[in-house]
Amino acid sequence: DLLLQLIEGEKLDITQISLGKITDEYLEHLNDLDARSHDVAEFLVIASRLIYIKSKAIIPTPPTAEEEGEIEDMENKLREYKKYKEVAAIFHETLESGYRSFQRKNGPKFQIQKFTPPAGINLKMLMNILQEVLAAAPEEEVQEKEEVYERKVSVEEKLQELKTLISKKKRFKFTEILKKAKSKHEVIISFLAVLDLIKQKNITVTQDNAFGDIIIYVSK
């Protein structure tokens, strides 16, 4: 990290010549190093390589293959470290901004699936519609003489029923579904099933006016 800072401080590229130029600065930092909090041995190894590189510039001598390899290795490690340092800075900035999900640049674009009601419709209106539907639903008959256990319709069953309906009809009203409901429980299940189909993008809904009938269309 110190080598990279010195090179970038002098606005130099990572080359053998640049390493020779910043040798003196590196040795000055080494003199100020606190031996109690740093691994001085690692700094000394790098310092010896820098002194050798600088000596080559003063007294040109043909380097051995091993010496050339060490210099090239130092250059490669610096370039690699620089890449990681730049990427780490980007990650740090991203984490600080609060983002926690990332999308591939060349991959498929994903859209968050969510239910978006038609313009002018809000959660309160939907709740009012549901309450009106429940109020209009037939009352369940209470058997006084004997207990009758009514079979409850599940969301899965209602979904299958609606999928069969939309395979036959491309457009219908929500009230058509409610007319077939035999209890308030089935009305609620029908409402949940419609919401689930909207979420799956199997159908779309419109409403011409507040509290008007909901028109269901089969998505293309």
Protein backbone atom coordinates (compact mmCIF):
# COMPACT_ATOMS: atom_id res chain seq x y z
CA ASP A 1 0.00 0.00 0.00
CA LEU A 2 2.87 2.38 0.83
CA LEU A 3 4.55 1.71 -2.52
CA LEU A 4 1.32 2.37 -4.40
CA GLN A 5 0.72 5.61 -2.48
CA LEU A 6 4.22 6.85 -3.29
CA ILE A 7 3.91 5.98 -6.99
CA GLU A 8 0.48 7.59 -7.31
CA GLY A 9 1.68 10.59 -5.29
CA GLU A 10 4.37 11.18 -7.93
CA LYS A 11 1.77 10.48 -10.68
CA LEU A 12 3.86 7.64 -12.11
CA ASP A 13 2.95 4.38 -13.79
CA ILE A 14 3.85 1.09 -12.14
CA THR A 15 7.20 0.40 -13.86
CA GLN A 16 10.74 -0.51 -12.89
CA ILE A 17 11.85 3.11 -13.48
CA SER A 18 9.08 4.41 -11.20
CA LEU A 19 10.12 2.01 -8.44
CA GLY A 20 13.65 3.33 -8.67
CA LYS A 21 12.47 6.93 -8.39
CA ILE A 22 10.49 6.43 -5.18
CA THR A 23 13.17 4.37 -3.37
CA ASP A 24 14.42 7.30 -1.27
CA GLU A 25 10.89 8.23 -0.17
CA TYR A 26 10.21 4.62 0.79
CA LEU A 27 13.38 4.47 2.90
CA GLU A 28 12.38 7.70 4.68
CA HIS A 29 9.06 6.13 5.64
CA LEU A 30 10.94 3.04 6.78
CA ASN A 31 13.00 5.16 9.20
CA ASP A 32 9.81 6.48 10.79
CA LEU A 33 8.24 3.03 11.08
CA ASP A 34 7.16 1.84 14.54
CA ALA A 35 8.71 -1.61 14.87
CA ARG A 36 6.27 -2.53 17.63
CA SER A 37 3.18 -2.26 15.42
CA HIS A 38 4.48 -3.39 12.01
CA ASP A 39 6.11 -6.43 10.47
CA VAL A 40 9.40 -4.67 9.72
CA ALA A 41 10.86 -7.73 7.97
CA GLU A 42 8.37 -7.39 5.09
CA PHE A 43 9.27 -3.69 4.68
CA LEU A 44 12.99 -4.54 4.65
CA VAL A 45 12.55 -7.16 1.92
CA ILE A 46 10.80 -4.60 -0.30
CA ALA A 47 13.40 -1.96 0.59
CA SER A 48 16.24 -4.25 -0.51
CA ARG A 49 14.54 -4.83 -3.86
CA LEU A 50 14.02 -1.10 -4.36
CA ILE A 51 17.68 -0.36 -3.56
CA TYR A 52 18.71 -2.98 -6.13
CA ILE A 53 16.40 -1.43 -8.76
CA LYS A 54 17.83 2.04 -8.10
CA SER A 55 21.41 0.76 -8.22
CA LYS A 56 20.75 -0.62 -11.70
CA ALA A 57 19.88 2.89 -12.87
CA ILE A 58 23.15 4.27 -11.43
CA ILE A 59 25.45 1.35 -12.40
CA PRO A 60 23.93 -0.57 -15.28
CA THR A 61 24.63 -4.30 -14.94
CA PRO A 62 23.01 -7.21 -16.75
CA PRO A 63 20.43 -8.69 -14.33
CA THR A 64 20.05 -12.40 -13.79
CA ALA A 65 16.84 -14.17 -14.73
CA GLU A 66 15.97 -14.52 -11.04
CA GLU A 67 16.44 -10.80 -10.38
CA GLU A 68 14.34 -9.85 -13.41
CA GLY A 69 11.65 -12.25 -12.18
CA GLU A 70 11.58 -10.62 -8.74
CA ILE A 71 11.22 -7.14 -10.23
CA GLU A 72 8.46 -8.28 -12.60
CA ASP A 73 6.72 -10.03 -9.70
CA MET A 74 6.77 -6.80 -7.67
CA GLU A 75 5.29 -4.84 -10.56
CA ASN A 76 2.53 -7.44 -11.09
CA LYS A 77 1.67 -7.50 -7.38
CA LEU A 78 1.40 -3.70 -7.33
CA ARG A 79 -0.91 -3.68 -10.36
CA GLU A 80 -3.06 -6.43 -8.84
CA TYR A 81 -3.21 -4.65 -5.49
CA LYS A 82 -4.24 -1.43 -7.22
CA LYS A 83 -7.19 -3.22 -8.87
CA TYR A 84 -8.39 -4.66 -5.56
CA LYS A 85 -7.99 -1.31 -3.82
CA GLU A 86 -10.11 0.45 -6.46
CA VAL A 87 -12.82 -2.22 -6.29
CA ALA A 88 -12.79 -2.09 -2.47
CA ALA A 89 -13.40 1.66 -2.65
CA ILE A 90 -16.42 1.09 -4.91
CA PHE A 91 -17.81 -1.55 -2.53
CA HIS A 92 -17.29 0.77 0.43
CA GLU A 93 -19.15 3.58 -1.32
CA THR A 94 -22.00 1.21 -2.24
CA LEU A 95 -22.31 -0.13 1.30
CA GLU A 96 -22.28 3.38 2.73
CA SER A 97 -25.15 4.33 0.42
CA GLY A 98 -27.26 1.47 1.84
CA TYR A 99 -27.62 -0.71 -1.26
CA ARG A 100 -27.60 -4.45 -0.69
CA SER A 101 -28.51 -5.94 -4.08
CA PHE A 102 -26.74 -5.83 -7.42
CA GLN A 103 -27.70 -6.60 -11.00
CA ARG A 104 -25.47 -8.11 -13.64
CA LYS A 105 -24.59 -5.59 -16.35
CA ASN A 106 -25.09 -8.00 -19.25
CA GLY A 107 -27.69 -10.24 -17.63
CA PRO A 108 -31.48 -10.15 -17.95
CA LYS A 109 -33.24 -7.17 -16.43
CA PHE A 110 -35.42 -8.12 -13.48
CA GLN A 111 -38.48 -6.17 -12.42
CA ILE A 112 -39.92 -6.23 -8.95
CA GLN A 113 -43.30 -7.92 -9.14
CA LYS A 114 -45.92 -6.05 -7.17
CA PHE A 115 -49.61 -5.36 -7.32
CA THR A 116 -50.31 -1.92 -8.79
CA PRO A 117 -53.97 -0.91 -8.56
CA PRO A 118 -55.56 1.17 -11.33
CA ALA A 119 -55.26 4.96 -11.14
CA GLY A 120 -57.49 6.47 -8.49
CA ILE A 121 -57.75 3.24 -6.46
CA ASN A 122 -56.11 2.99 -3.05
CA LEU A 123 -56.02 0.49 -0.19
CA LYS A 124 -58.98 2.09 1.60
CA MET A 125 -61.17 1.76 -1.51
CA LEU A 126 -60.21 -1.89 -1.92
CA MET A 127 -61.14 -2.54 1.71
CA ASN A 128 -64.52 -0.81 1.16
CA ILE A 129 -65.14 -2.96 -1.92
CA LEU A 130 -64.34 -6.11 0.07
CA GLN A 131 -66.67 -5.03 2.89
CA GLU A 132 -69.49 -4.36 0.40
CA VAL A 133 -68.93 -7.76 -1.19
CA LEU A 134 -69.03 -9.45 2.21
CA ALA A 135 -72.17 -7.57 3.17
CA ALA A 136 -73.90 -8.70 -0.04
CA ALA A 137 -72.82 -12.32 0.37
CA PRO A 138 -75.54 -14.79 1.41
CA GLU A 139 -75.76 -15.61 5.09
CA GLU A 140 -74.70 -19.08 6.11
CA GLU A 141 -77.59 -21.25 7.22
CA VAL A 142 -77.28 -22.49 10.77
CA GLN A 143 -78.46 -26.02 11.35
CA GLU A 144 -79.97 -26.12 14.84
CA LYS A 145 -80.92 -29.78 15.03
CA GLU A 146 -77.70 -31.29 13.83
CA GLU A 147 -74.16 -30.14 13.35
CA VAL A 148 -73.16 -29.69 9.74
CA TYR A 149 -69.49 -29.34 8.99
CA GLU A 150 -69.09 -27.26 5.86
CA ARG A 151 -66.15 -28.08 3.63
CA LYS A 152 -63.88 -25.04 3.35
CA VAL A 153 -62.62 -24.10 -0.11
CA SER A 154 -58.85 -23.55 -0.24
CA VAL A 155 -57.03 -20.80 -2.15
CA GLU A 156 -55.39 -23.47 -4.32
CA GLU A 157 -58.77 -24.90 -5.32
CA LYS A 158 -60.14 -21.44 -6.07
CA LEU A 159 -57.04 -20.61 -8.13
CA GLN A 160 -57.55 -23.74 -10.21
CA GLU A 161 -61.21 -22.84 -10.67
CA LEU A 162 -60.33 -19.32 -11.82
CA LYS A 163 -57.62 -20.59 -14.18
CA THR A 164 -60.23 -22.85 -15.79
CA LEU A 165 -62.55 -19.84 -16.11
CA ILE A 166 -59.93 -17.57 -17.73
CA SER A 167 -59.02 -20.31 -20.18
CA LYS A 168 -62.60 -20.09 -21.48
CA LYS A 169 -63.33 -16.37 -21.08
CA LYS A 170 -60.91 -13.54 -21.82
CA ARG A 171 -62.99 -10.92 -20.00
CA PHE A 172 -65.45 -11.14 -17.13
CA LYS A 173 -66.66 -9.29 -14.05
CA PHE A 174 -65.55 -9.96 -10.51
CA THR A 175 -69.22 -10.25 -9.47
CA GLU A 176 -69.53 -13.32 -11.72
CA ILE A 177 -67.08 -15.08 -9.43
CA LEU A 178 -68.89 -13.90 -6.30
CA LYS A 179 -72.26 -15.21 -7.50
CA LYS A 180 -70.87 -18.73 -7.30
CA ALA A 181 -69.62 -18.23 -3.72
CA LYS A 182 -71.65 -20.14 -1.15
CA SER A 183 -70.29 -18.45 1.97
CA LYS A 184 -68.35 -15.44 3.22
CA HIS A 185 -65.34 -17.70 3.55
CA GLU A 186 -65.50 -18.52 -0.17
CA VAL A 187 -65.90 -14.80 -1.00
CA ILE A 188 -62.66 -14.01 0.86
CA ILE A 189 -60.88 -16.94 -0.79
CA SER A 190 -62.07 -15.73 -4.21
CA PHE A 191 -60.76 -12.23 -3.47
CA LEU A 192 -57.36 -13.63 -2.41
CA ALA A 193 -57.21 -15.86 -5.48
CA VAL A 194 -57.83 -12.88 -7.78
CA LEU A 195 -55.07 -10.91 -6.05
CA ASP A 196 -52.73 -13.87 -6.48
CA LEU A 197 -53.48 -14.10 -10.22
CA ILE A 198 -52.77 -10.36 -10.55
CA LYS A 199 -49.46 -10.86 -8.77
CA GLN A 200 -48.60 -13.72 -11.14
CA LYS A 201 -49.54 -11.42 -14.06
CA ASN A 202 -52.08 -13.95 -15.35
CA ILE A 203 -54.79 -11.30 -15.27
CA THR A 204 -55.17 -7.52 -15.15
CA VAL A 205 -58.06 -5.59 -13.61
CA THR A 206 -59.73 -2.25 -14.27
CA GLN A 207 -62.45 -0.26 -12.55
CA ASP A 208 -64.20 2.55 -14.39
CA ASN A 209 -65.34 4.38 -11.27
CA ALA A 210 -65.09 4.22 -7.49
CA PHE A 211 -67.00 1.22 -6.08
CA GLY A 212 -67.85 0.12 -9.61
CA ASP A 213 -67.57 -3.46 -10.77
CA ILE A 214 -64.05 -4.80 -11.23
CA ILE A 215 -63.44 -6.02 -14.79
CA ILE A 216 -60.93 -8.88 -15.14
CA TYR A 217 -58.93 -9.36 -18.33
CA VAL A 218 -56.70 -12.28 -19.22
CA SER A 219 -53.12 -11.04 -19.62
CA LYS A 220 -51.56 -11.56 -23.05
